[in-house]
Amino acid sequence: MLAVQLAVTCKFASTSKNYLTNQYHRSRFVFLLSPNIIATMARPLQDGLGWKETLFDLVPEWTQEPSIAAIENVCRQQLSIPADELCTVSFHASGLFNKLYILEHARDRLVMRVSLPVYPHHKTRAEVATLRWVDENTRIPVPKVFGFDDSNDNEIGFEWILMELMEGIPAHLRWRSMTMEQKVAFTEQIATFQAELSGCGKPEKIFRGIGSLEDKEVDQRNDAEGLHMATAGLLVSHELFMGDHLGYDIPRGPFRSSHDWLSAVLNIVILHQTAVLETTDDEDEREDAEVILATARKLLCLLPGAFPPVLDEPEITGLYHHDLHLNNILVDEGGSITAVLDWECVSALPLWMTTNIPKFLDEAVREEEPQRDRYAYETPEESAATVEKHRDLVDLDNEGKTDLYWIHRVEYEATQLRKVYQNRLRELWPDWPLEGSHEKVEFFHAISHCDGLWVKKSAKWADRLENGESMRWEDA
């Protein structure tokens, strides 16, 4: 079975067009446009992108729809499909920042991924550089790219990537039917992948500095052969480009240290909340902004205690995939991994970040195995609701038991598999910094949640730290 992926690789058959020369001064986000480029630019850089405020978050939205006919034309050009040969394009699915379309023709089935310009040029280019590095330096299965364009100055009007469909089914749909032995093998494979992404076993450290990968040759090569030199560059990360954040005058990478990176994140929060206080008359918004602002400033003051502000040389880093949930990992019928997807915003981050547990193992602790016969059976109404809920899915039959049994089963298995994951990484990577990274990871969580629903937890955690007390962020 084939599954559509949100990830791309850098093996491509045609180069990307790059009409805009982006230069950066002292890591600031400043576009320097030559007069001839200004004269020929057909569209604003973020044409087609809007932002919508929801109850809990800010989300991107499409202000115009990509044209199916334009997508078909571009695909025909990229693949040299004759006009008299059948070629069909159909909408398949949407992600947060992109739409996926299935291309079918006599020779193959491919995916066209059309992206919103949330971080013009750099988001697409960083994905290309990242997937090329992964393909050439690890054994992680990733899809091939047949073409891409990191500019919106094209017939579609958006940045796009044309790639292969990968074989397999999302592991989420297979998980219940997999044996514990298969799940152990699956988890050990993911640990192996993380070791490879961190450069384990290589004679030299693979990356220094914090940022998304960039490859100077990305516009100059149209072959899929040979090794390419990728380095950490500008950081493509949600907190740096959401909403109006691209307009803030802050450092954007590559960052020399964890301190510099997290300082930039906190300064974005401070700038944003200061702007809210200056513009809103809503008392609730002002109150929220004041709490967030106070928390971010306190965390910024506490930062040097956990992260040295000055280093002799750029910090050692490795690639860290922050979104390894079961929908982003494809497996075959036996549970073996066939692809790892969604490399969007994956970057070279400090090695202490690799001590985070993958998302598919991030569940509550449950050491005692749930005994099936101790759980109630579904009522007819619950059974009907389960069938409706999982109508289009496979291997998600509740087998007559209530959801509570399956929740506890997932928690128990994740608890055991976390031990498998950690033990395997220790075997592969004796210097894996697990023990020395706890406080840094806690600090990162406090920063990541200080500008939203969980700000009071971050504030409480910061207060405890300021008083010299130790506390897990999740317990705040």
Protein backbone atom coordinates (compact mmCIF):
# COMPACT_ATOMS: atom_id res chain seq x y z
CA MET A 1 0.00 0.00 0.00
CA LEU A 2 1.26 3.48 -0.83
CA ALA A 3 1.06 6.41 1.56
CA VAL A 4 1.51 10.11 0.90
CA GLN A 5 4.25 11.82 2.83
CA LEU A 6 4.80 15.39 3.97
CA ALA A 7 8.56 15.01 3.68
CA VAL A 8 10.95 15.42 0.78
CA THR A 9 14.45 14.40 -0.15
CA CYS A 10 17.02 16.22 -2.15
CA LYS A 11 17.53 13.76 -4.98
CA PHE A 12 16.04 15.87 -7.71
CA ALA A 13 15.87 15.83 -11.46
CA SER A 14 15.67 19.60 -11.98
CA THR A 15 17.05 22.56 -10.11
CA SER A 16 14.94 25.06 -8.26
CA LYS A 17 14.45 28.54 -9.61
CA ASN A 18 15.77 31.26 -7.34
CA TYR A 19 14.74 34.73 -8.51
CA LEU A 20 15.39 36.48 -5.24
CA THR A 21 18.85 36.90 -3.77
CA ASN A 22 18.58 36.85 0.01
CA GLN A 23 21.50 38.22 1.92
CA TYR A 24 21.71 38.56 5.65
CA HIS A 25 23.75 41.00 7.70
CA ARG A 26 24.85 39.82 11.13
CA SER A 27 22.20 37.10 11.11
CA ARG A 28 19.36 39.66 10.85
CA PHE A 29 16.36 39.01 8.60
CA VAL A 30 16.93 41.74 6.00
CA PHE A 31 16.20 41.33 2.30
CA LEU A 32 18.59 43.16 -0.01
CA LEU A 33 16.94 43.32 -3.43
CA SER A 34 18.70 44.44 -6.57
CA PRO A 35 16.70 46.84 -8.82
CA ASN A 36 16.36 44.34 -11.66
CA ILE A 37 14.92 41.73 -9.27
CA ILE A 38 12.39 44.23 -7.92
CA ALA A 39 11.35 45.05 -11.48
CA THR A 40 10.76 41.42 -12.44
CA MET A 41 9.21 40.07 -9.24
CA ALA A 42 5.71 38.91 -10.15
CA ARG A 43 4.33 38.39 -6.64
CA PRO A 44 4.87 39.54 -3.07
CA LEU A 45 7.01 37.06 -1.15
CA GLN A 46 4.11 35.87 1.02
CA ASP A 47 1.34 36.12 -1.53
CA GLY A 48 -1.44 33.62 -0.77
CA LEU A 49 -0.70 33.43 2.97
CA GLY A 50 -3.00 34.68 5.73
CA TRP A 51 -3.09 34.13 9.48
CA LYS A 52 -6.14 33.25 11.55
CA GLU A 53 -6.45 33.63 15.31
CA THR A 54 -8.11 30.64 16.96
CA LEU A 55 -9.08 30.15 20.59
CA PHE A 56 -5.68 28.72 21.51
CA ASP A 57 -3.34 29.43 18.62
CA LEU A 58 -2.46 31.30 15.46
CA VAL A 59 -2.80 29.20 12.30
CA PRO A 60 -1.94 29.87 8.64
CA GLU A 61 -4.63 29.91 5.99
CA TRP A 62 -4.75 29.96 2.20
CA THR A 63 -6.08 33.21 0.74
CA GLN A 64 -6.08 31.62 -2.73
CA GLU A 65 -6.20 28.03 -3.90
CA PRO A 66 -3.52 26.40 -6.06
CA SER A 67 -4.76 25.58 -9.55
CA ILE A 68 -5.04 21.89 -10.44
CA ALA A 69 -4.42 22.78 -14.09
CA ALA A 70 -1.26 24.71 -13.18
CA ILE A 71 -0.01 21.81 -11.08
CA GLU A 72 -0.57 19.41 -13.98
CA ASN A 73 1.32 21.72 -16.36
CA VAL A 74 4.29 21.98 -14.02
CA CYS A 75 4.35 18.22 -13.49
CA ARG A 76 4.29 17.60 -17.25
CA GLN A 77 7.21 20.00 -17.70
CA GLN A 78 9.26 18.47 -14.89
CA LEU A 79 8.71 14.88 -16.02
CA SER A 80 8.65 15.55 -19.79
CA ILE A 81 5.19 14.01 -20.14
CA PRO A 82 3.89 14.49 -23.71
CA ALA A 83 0.62 16.35 -24.19
CA ASP A 84 -1.02 13.26 -25.71
CA GLU A 85 -0.13 11.07 -22.69
CA LEU A 86 -2.69 10.80 -19.89
CA CYS A 87 -1.71 12.67 -16.72
CA THR A 88 -4.17 13.40 -13.92
CA VAL A 89 -3.81 15.44 -10.75
CA SER A 90 -6.18 15.24 -7.78
CA PHE A 91 -6.22 16.84 -4.34
CA HIS A 92 -5.26 14.40 -1.58
CA ALA A 93 -4.75 16.04 1.82
CA SER A 94 -3.67 19.16 3.71
CA GLY A 95 -0.98 19.76 6.31
CA LEU A 96 -0.50 22.84 8.44
CA PHE A 97 1.61 24.59 5.82
CA ASN A 98 0.92 22.65 2.63
CA LYS A 99 -1.48 20.82 0.34
CA LEU A 100 -0.79 17.46 -1.26
CA TYR A 101 -1.85 16.39 -4.74
CA ILE A 102 -1.59 12.96 -6.35
CA LEU A 103 -0.13 12.81 -9.85
CA GLU A 104 -0.92 9.70 -11.89
CA HIS A 105 0.47 8.87 -15.30
CA ALA A 106 1.49 5.79 -17.21
CA ARG A 107 4.96 5.54 -15.70
CA ASP A 108 4.39 6.30 -12.04
CA ARG A 109 2.36 7.85 -9.22
CA LEU A 110 3.93 10.87 -7.54
CA VAL A 111 3.05 13.57 -5.04
CA MET A 112 3.08 17.32 -5.61
CA ARG A 113 3.39 19.18 -2.32
CA VAL A 114 2.43 22.87 -2.58
CA SER A 115 3.52 25.01 0.36
CA LEU A 116 2.46 28.28 1.94
CA PRO A 117 5.28 30.87 1.97
CA VAL A 118 5.59 31.03 5.77
CA TYR A 119 9.37 31.46 5.48
CA PRO A 120 9.95 32.31 1.81
CA HIS A 121 12.69 30.31 0.08
CA HIS A 122 14.40 29.13 3.25
CA LYS A 123 11.87 26.59 4.47
CA THR A 124 11.84 24.70 1.16
CA ARG A 125 15.60 24.98 0.71
CA ALA A 126 16.28 23.77 4.26
CA GLU A 127 14.10 20.69 3.69
CA VAL A 128 15.96 19.93 0.48
CA ALA A 129 19.36 20.24 2.16
CA THR A 130 18.21 18.20 5.18
CA LEU A 131 16.75 15.33 3.20
CA ARG A 132 19.75 15.20 0.90
CA TRP A 133 22.05 14.92 3.94
CA VAL A 134 19.86 12.23 5.51
CA ASP A 135 19.79 10.25 2.27
CA GLU A 136 23.56 10.39 1.84
CA ASN A 137 24.70 9.97 5.44
CA THR A 138 22.21 7.63 7.12
CA ARG A 139 20.21 4.48 6.45
CA ILE A 140 16.91 6.25 7.11
CA PRO A 141 14.45 5.62 4.24
CA VAL A 142 13.25 8.90 2.78
CA PRO A 143 11.46 9.75 -0.49
CA LYS A 144 13.17 11.07 -3.59
CA VAL A 145 12.46 14.47 -5.08
CA PHE A 146 12.01 14.86 -8.83
CA GLY A 147 11.88 18.64 -8.79
CA PHE A 148 11.20 21.64 -6.57
CA ASP A 149 10.84 25.39 -6.72
CA ASP A 150 11.65 27.53 -3.68
CA SER A 151 10.07 30.62 -5.28
CA ASN A 152 6.42 31.53 -5.75
CA ASP A 153 7.25 33.13 -9.10
CA ASN A 154 5.92 30.20 -11.11
CA GLU A 155 2.73 29.02 -12.77
CA ILE A 156 1.35 27.53 -9.53
CA GLY A 157 2.03 30.71 -7.54
CA PHE A 158 3.48 28.83 -4.56
CA GLU A 159 6.65 26.99 -3.63
CA TRP A 160 6.37 23.30 -4.48
CA ILE A 161 8.13 19.94 -4.31
CA LEU A 162 7.46 16.98 -6.62
CA MET A 163 8.32 13.63 -5.02
CA GLU A 164 7.69 9.93 -5.04
CA LEU A 165 5.05 8.07 -3.09
CA MET A 166 6.59 5.87 -0.42
CA GLU A 167 5.43 2.34 0.20
CA GLY A 168 3.88 1.48 3.54
CA ILE A 169 1.11 2.44 5.90
CA PRO A 170 1.31 4.89 8.83
CA ALA A 171 2.46 2.95 11.90
CA HIS A 172 -0.48 4.40 13.83
CA LEU A 173 -2.84 2.22 11.81
CA ARG A 174 -0.79 -0.92 12.32
CA TRP A 175 0.23 -0.41 15.96
CA ARG A 176 -2.49 -2.41 17.73
CA SER A 177 -1.97 -5.46 15.57
CA MET A 178 1.82 -5.44 15.97
CA THR A 179 3.33 -7.78 18.54
CA MET A 180 5.45 -6.43 21.38
CA GLU A 181 8.50 -7.99 19.72
CA GLN A 182 7.75 -6.02 16.54
CA LYS A 183 7.30 -2.84 18.56
CA VAL A 184 10.64 -3.40 20.31
CA ALA A 185 12.38 -3.85 16.94
CA PHE A 186 10.59 -0.73 15.64
CA THR A 187 11.73 1.32 18.66
CA GLU A 188 15.32 0.10 18.43
CA GLN A 189 15.36 1.13 14.77
CA ILE A 190 14.21 4.65 15.65
CA ALA A 191 16.97 4.84 18.28
CA THR A 192 19.47 3.77 15.61
CA PHE A 193 18.19 6.51 13.33
CA GLN A 194 18.66 9.14 16.04
CA ALA A 195 22.22 7.96 16.66
CA GLU A 196 22.95 8.33 12.93
CA LEU A 197 21.40 11.80 12.83
CA SER A 198 23.66 12.82 15.71
CA GLY A 199 26.82 11.68 13.93
CA CYS A 200 27.46 8.75 16.27
CA GLY A 201 30.43 6.73 15.04
CA LYS A 202 31.76 9.44 12.75
CA PRO A 203 35.38 10.54 13.32
CA GLU A 204 34.43 14.23 13.42
CA LYS A 205 31.44 16.10 14.80
CA ILE A 206 28.99 16.51 11.94
CA PHE A 207 27.67 19.99 12.71
CA ARG A 208 28.63 23.00 14.78
CA GLY A 209 26.17 25.77 15.48
CA ILE A 210 22.39 25.72 15.70
CA GLY A 211 20.31 26.19 12.56
CA SER A 212 18.56 24.52 9.65
CA LEU A 213 20.79 22.94 7.05
CA GLU A 214 21.82 24.85 3.99
CA ASP A 215 23.65 23.59 0.94
CA LYS A 216 25.38 26.18 -1.24
CA GLU A 217 25.05 23.85 -4.23
CA VAL A 218 21.28 23.51 -4.04
CA ASP A 219 20.78 25.85 -7.02
CA GLN A 220 23.82 24.69 -8.94
CA ARG A 221 23.30 20.92 -9.25
CA ASN A 222 20.64 18.98 -11.05
CA ASP A 223 22.13 15.54 -10.56
CA ALA A 224 21.42 13.10 -7.77
CA GLU A 225 24.95 11.80 -7.43
CA GLY A 226 27.86 12.78 -5.22
CA LEU A 227 28.13 14.02 -1.66
CA HIS A 228 27.10 17.51 -0.70
CA MET A 229 28.41 19.71 2.09
CA ALA A 230 25.63 20.97 4.35
CA THR A 231 26.13 23.37 7.23
CA ALA A 232 23.91 24.96 9.88
CA GLY A 233 22.40 28.19 8.58
CA LEU A 234 19.32 30.27 9.33
CA LEU A 235 16.98 28.47 11.72
CA VAL A 236 13.61 27.60 10.16
CA SER A 237 11.43 27.18 13.23
CA HIS A 238 7.77 27.90 14.00
CA GLU A 239 8.43 30.51 16.66
CA LEU A 240 10.63 32.47 14.25
CA PHE A 241 8.15 32.77 11.38
CA MET A 242 4.59 32.47 12.72
CA GLY A 243 2.36 35.52 12.23
CA ASP A 244 4.37 38.71 11.91
CA HIS A 245 7.50 37.26 13.52
CA LEU A 246 9.52 37.48 10.30
CA GLY A 247 9.41 41.24 10.70
CA TYR A 248 11.14 41.28 14.09
CA ASP A 249 14.74 42.49 14.08
CA ILE A 250 16.35 39.59 15.95
CA PRO A 251 19.15 37.11 15.28
CA ARG A 252 17.94 34.15 13.20
CA GLY A 253 20.96 31.89 13.10
CA PRO A 254 23.14 30.12 12.76
CA PHE A 255 23.40 30.39 16.54
CA ARG A 256 26.72 29.81 18.23
CA SER A 257 25.23 28.34 21.41
CA SER A 258 22.10 27.13 23.16
CA HIS A 259 22.11 30.41 25.07
CA ASP A 260 22.02 32.47 21.88
CA TRP A 261 19.27 30.34 20.35
CA LEU A 262 16.97 30.36 23.38
CA SER A 263 17.63 34.07 23.97
CA ALA A 264 16.32 34.76 20.45
CA VAL A 265 13.19 32.70 21.12
CA LEU A 266 12.48 34.57 24.37
CA ASN A 267 13.14 37.93 22.74
CA ILE A 268 10.50 37.14 20.12
CA VAL A 269 8.01 36.49 22.93
CA ILE A 270 8.98 39.76 24.61
CA LEU A 271 8.67 41.78 21.40
CA HIS A 272 5.31 40.23 20.56
CA GLN A 273 3.76 40.73 23.98
CA THR A 274 5.11 44.28 24.20
CA ALA A 275 3.35 45.02 20.90
CA VAL A 276 0.12 43.53 22.30
CA LEU A 277 0.28 45.83 25.32
CA GLU A 278 0.87 48.83 23.07
CA THR A 279 -2.06 48.11 20.74
CA THR A 280 -4.88 46.35 22.62
CA ASP A 281 -7.65 47.83 24.73
CA ASP A 282 -8.98 44.43 25.76
CA GLU A 283 -8.39 43.91 29.49
CA ASP A 284 -8.11 40.12 29.21
CA GLU A 285 -5.53 40.40 26.45
CA ARG A 286 -3.56 42.93 28.48
CA GLU A 287 -3.62 40.70 31.54
CA ASP A 288 -2.43 37.68 29.55
CA ALA A 289 0.31 39.72 27.88
CA GLU A 290 1.59 41.01 31.22
CA VAL A 291 1.84 37.47 32.65
CA ILE A 292 3.61 36.16 29.54
CA LEU A 293 5.94 39.14 29.41
CA ALA A 294 6.93 38.80 33.06
CA THR A 295 7.55 35.06 32.64
CA ALA A 296 9.64 35.48 29.49
CA ARG A 297 11.77 38.18 31.11
CA LYS A 298 12.36 36.03 34.18
CA LEU A 299 13.37 33.05 32.03
CA LEU A 300 15.74 35.29 30.07
CA CYS A 301 17.41 36.41 33.30
CA LEU A 302 17.74 32.79 34.47
CA LEU A 303 19.07 31.52 31.14
CA PRO A 304 22.83 32.09 31.75
CA GLY A 305 22.66 29.86 34.83
CA ALA A 306 21.76 26.85 32.68
CA PHE A 307 23.40 27.74 29.37
CA PRO A 308 26.83 29.42 29.22
CA PRO A 309 26.52 32.65 27.19
CA VAL A 310 30.09 32.47 25.87
CA LEU A 311 31.71 29.45 24.20
CA ASP A 312 35.20 29.13 22.73
CA GLU A 313 33.76 27.63 19.53
CA PRO A 314 30.28 26.92 18.14
CA GLU A 315 28.34 24.26 20.01
CA ILE A 316 28.35 20.66 18.68
CA THR A 317 24.96 19.80 17.20
CA GLY A 318 23.12 17.02 15.39
CA LEU A 319 19.90 16.66 13.43
CA TYR A 320 16.87 16.21 15.65
CA HIS A 321 13.47 15.13 14.27
CA HIS A 322 11.01 16.74 16.67
CA ASP A 323 7.84 15.17 15.25
CA LEU A 324 8.33 11.40 15.29
CA HIS A 325 4.77 10.33 15.95
CA LEU A 326 3.35 7.16 14.42
CA ASN A 327 1.65 8.94 11.53
CA ASN A 328 5.04 10.14 10.30
CA ILE A 329 6.55 6.66 10.18
CA LEU A 330 5.46 4.16 7.53
CA VAL A 331 5.67 0.41 8.03
CA ASP A 332 5.02 -2.74 6.01
CA GLU A 333 2.68 -5.58 6.99
CA GLY A 334 5.33 -7.00 9.33
CA GLY A 335 5.83 -3.70 11.15
CA SER A 336 9.24 -2.93 9.59
CA ILE A 337 9.89 0.75 8.87
CA THR A 338 9.65 1.69 5.19
CA ALA A 339 9.89 5.50 5.49
CA VAL A 340 10.32 8.36 7.94
CA LEU A 341 8.39 11.45 6.86
CA ASP A 342 7.76 15.12 7.61
CA TRP A 343 11.24 16.63 7.85
CA GLU A 344 9.74 20.10 7.85
CA CYS A 345 11.67 22.41 10.22
CA VAL A 346 14.05 19.61 11.27
CA SER A 347 17.32 21.35 12.18
CA ALA A 348 20.76 20.91 13.69
CA LEU A 349 20.13 21.36 17.43
CA PRO A 350 22.22 20.90 20.59
CA LEU A 351 22.92 17.29 21.52
CA TRP A 352 20.99 17.65 24.78
CA MET A 353 17.83 17.96 22.66
CA THR A 354 18.33 14.36 21.50
CA THR A 355 17.52 13.20 25.05
CA ASN A 356 13.88 14.12 24.42
CA ILE A 357 11.71 11.05 23.99
CA PRO A 358 10.23 10.58 20.48
CA LYS A 359 6.60 11.65 20.30
CA PHE A 360 5.28 8.14 19.78
CA LEU A 361 6.69 7.22 23.22
CA ASP A 362 5.57 10.38 25.01
CA GLU A 363 2.84 8.91 27.20
CA ALA A 364 2.05 8.80 30.92
CA VAL A 365 4.08 6.37 33.02
CA ARG A 366 2.36 3.03 33.65
CA GLU A 367 4.50 0.19 34.95
CA GLU A 368 1.72 -2.30 35.67
CA GLU A 369 0.40 -4.12 32.62
CA PRO A 370 -3.37 -3.62 32.24
CA GLN A 371 -5.29 -6.87 32.59
CA ARG A 372 -7.83 -7.11 29.83
CA ASP A 373 -10.49 -8.96 31.84
CA ARG A 374 -10.57 -6.20 34.46
CA TYR A 375 -11.91 -3.63 31.99
CA ALA A 376 -15.53 -3.18 31.04
CA TYR A 377 -16.95 -4.10 27.66
CA GLU A 378 -18.26 -1.43 25.33
CA THR A 379 -21.99 -0.73 25.38
CA PRO A 380 -23.78 -1.05 22.03
CA GLU A 381 -23.76 2.74 21.76
CA GLU A 382 -20.01 2.90 22.44
CA SER A 383 -19.37 0.11 19.96
CA ALA A 384 -21.31 1.95 17.25
CA ALA A 385 -19.39 5.13 18.03
CA THR A 386 -16.09 3.26 17.73
CA VAL A 387 -17.06 1.86 14.32
CA GLU A 388 -18.01 5.33 13.10
CA LYS A 389 -14.84 6.90 14.53
CA HIS A 390 -12.55 4.36 12.85
CA ARG A 391 -14.61 3.82 9.69
CA ASP A 392 -11.76 4.65 7.32
CA LEU A 393 -9.00 3.10 9.42
CA VAL A 394 -7.61 -0.40 9.74
CA ASP A 395 -6.43 -2.39 12.75
CA LEU A 396 -8.14 -0.02 15.22
CA ASP A 397 -10.96 -2.30 16.32
CA ASN A 398 -11.55 -1.91 20.07
CA GLU A 399 -12.30 -5.64 20.23
CA GLY A 400 -15.25 -5.02 22.51
CA LYS A 401 -13.27 -3.19 25.21
CA THR A 402 -13.74 0.43 26.23
CA ASP A 403 -11.28 3.13 25.21
CA LEU A 404 -9.87 3.17 28.75
CA TYR A 405 -8.29 -0.25 28.26
CA TRP A 406 -6.53 0.86 25.09
CA ILE A 407 -5.37 4.13 26.68
CA HIS A 408 -3.80 2.19 29.54
CA ARG A 409 -2.35 -0.37 27.11
CA VAL A 410 -0.66 2.41 25.12
CA GLU A 411 0.73 3.97 28.30
CA TYR A 412 2.10 0.66 29.56
CA GLU A 413 3.74 -0.22 26.25
CA ALA A 414 5.23 3.28 25.85
CA THR A 415 6.69 3.03 29.37
CA GLN A 416 8.44 -0.24 28.49
CA LEU A 417 9.52 0.96 25.04
CA ARG A 418 11.09 4.13 26.47
CA LYS A 419 13.51 1.86 28.32
CA VAL A 420 14.21 0.00 25.07
CA TYR A 421 14.86 3.29 23.27
CA GLN A 422 17.21 4.62 25.93
CA ASN A 423 19.10 1.35 26.32
CA ARG A 424 19.62 1.06 22.57
CA LEU A 425 20.89 4.64 22.30
CA ARG A 426 23.30 4.04 25.18
CA GLU A 427 24.65 0.97 23.37
CA LEU A 428 25.12 2.83 20.10
CA TRP A 429 26.22 6.11 21.58
CA PRO A 430 28.12 5.70 24.88
CA ASP A 431 28.50 9.49 25.17
CA TRP A 432 24.77 10.15 24.73
CA PRO A 433 24.26 13.04 27.23
CA LEU A 434 21.14 11.65 28.94
CA GLU A 435 22.09 12.18 32.58
CA GLY A 436 23.49 15.69 32.15
CA SER A 437 20.68 17.15 30.06
CA HIS A 438 17.62 16.96 32.33
CA GLU A 439 17.72 20.59 33.53
CA LYS A 440 18.35 21.88 30.01
CA VAL A 441 15.38 19.97 28.59
CA GLU A 442 13.18 21.25 31.44
CA PHE A 443 14.27 24.81 30.69
CA PHE A 444 13.49 24.31 27.02
CA HIS A 445 9.97 23.09 27.86
CA ALA A 446 9.39 26.14 30.07
CA ILE A 447 10.44 28.46 27.25
CA SER A 448 8.40 26.59 24.63
CA HIS A 449 5.21 26.95 26.69
CA CYS A 450 5.64 30.44 28.15
CA ASP A 451 3.71 32.12 25.32
CA GLY A 452 0.40 30.32 25.44
CA LEU A 453 -2.04 28.16 27.34
CA TRP A 454 0.57 26.80 29.79
CA VAL A 455 2.24 30.09 30.71
CA LYS A 456 1.30 29.75 34.38
CA LYS A 457 3.08 26.41 34.55
CA SER A 458 6.18 28.01 33.07
CA ALA A 459 5.86 30.92 35.50
CA LYS A 460 5.64 28.57 38.47
CA TRP A 461 8.61 26.56 37.22
CA ALA A 462 10.66 29.76 36.78
CA ASP A 463 9.76 30.90 40.31
CA ARG A 464 10.98 27.60 41.75
CA LEU A 465 14.21 27.78 39.76
CA GLU A 466 14.79 31.37 40.90
CA ASN A 467 14.46 30.18 44.50
CA GLY A 468 17.02 27.45 43.92
CA GLU A 469 14.48 24.62 43.94
CA SER A 470 14.38 21.70 41.51
CA MET A 471 11.10 20.90 39.79
CA ARG A 472 10.00 19.12 36.63
CA TRP A 473 8.13 21.43 34.29
CA GLU A 474 5.30 18.91 33.86
CA ASP A 475 4.82 18.85 37.66
CA ALA A 476 4.52 22.63 37.96
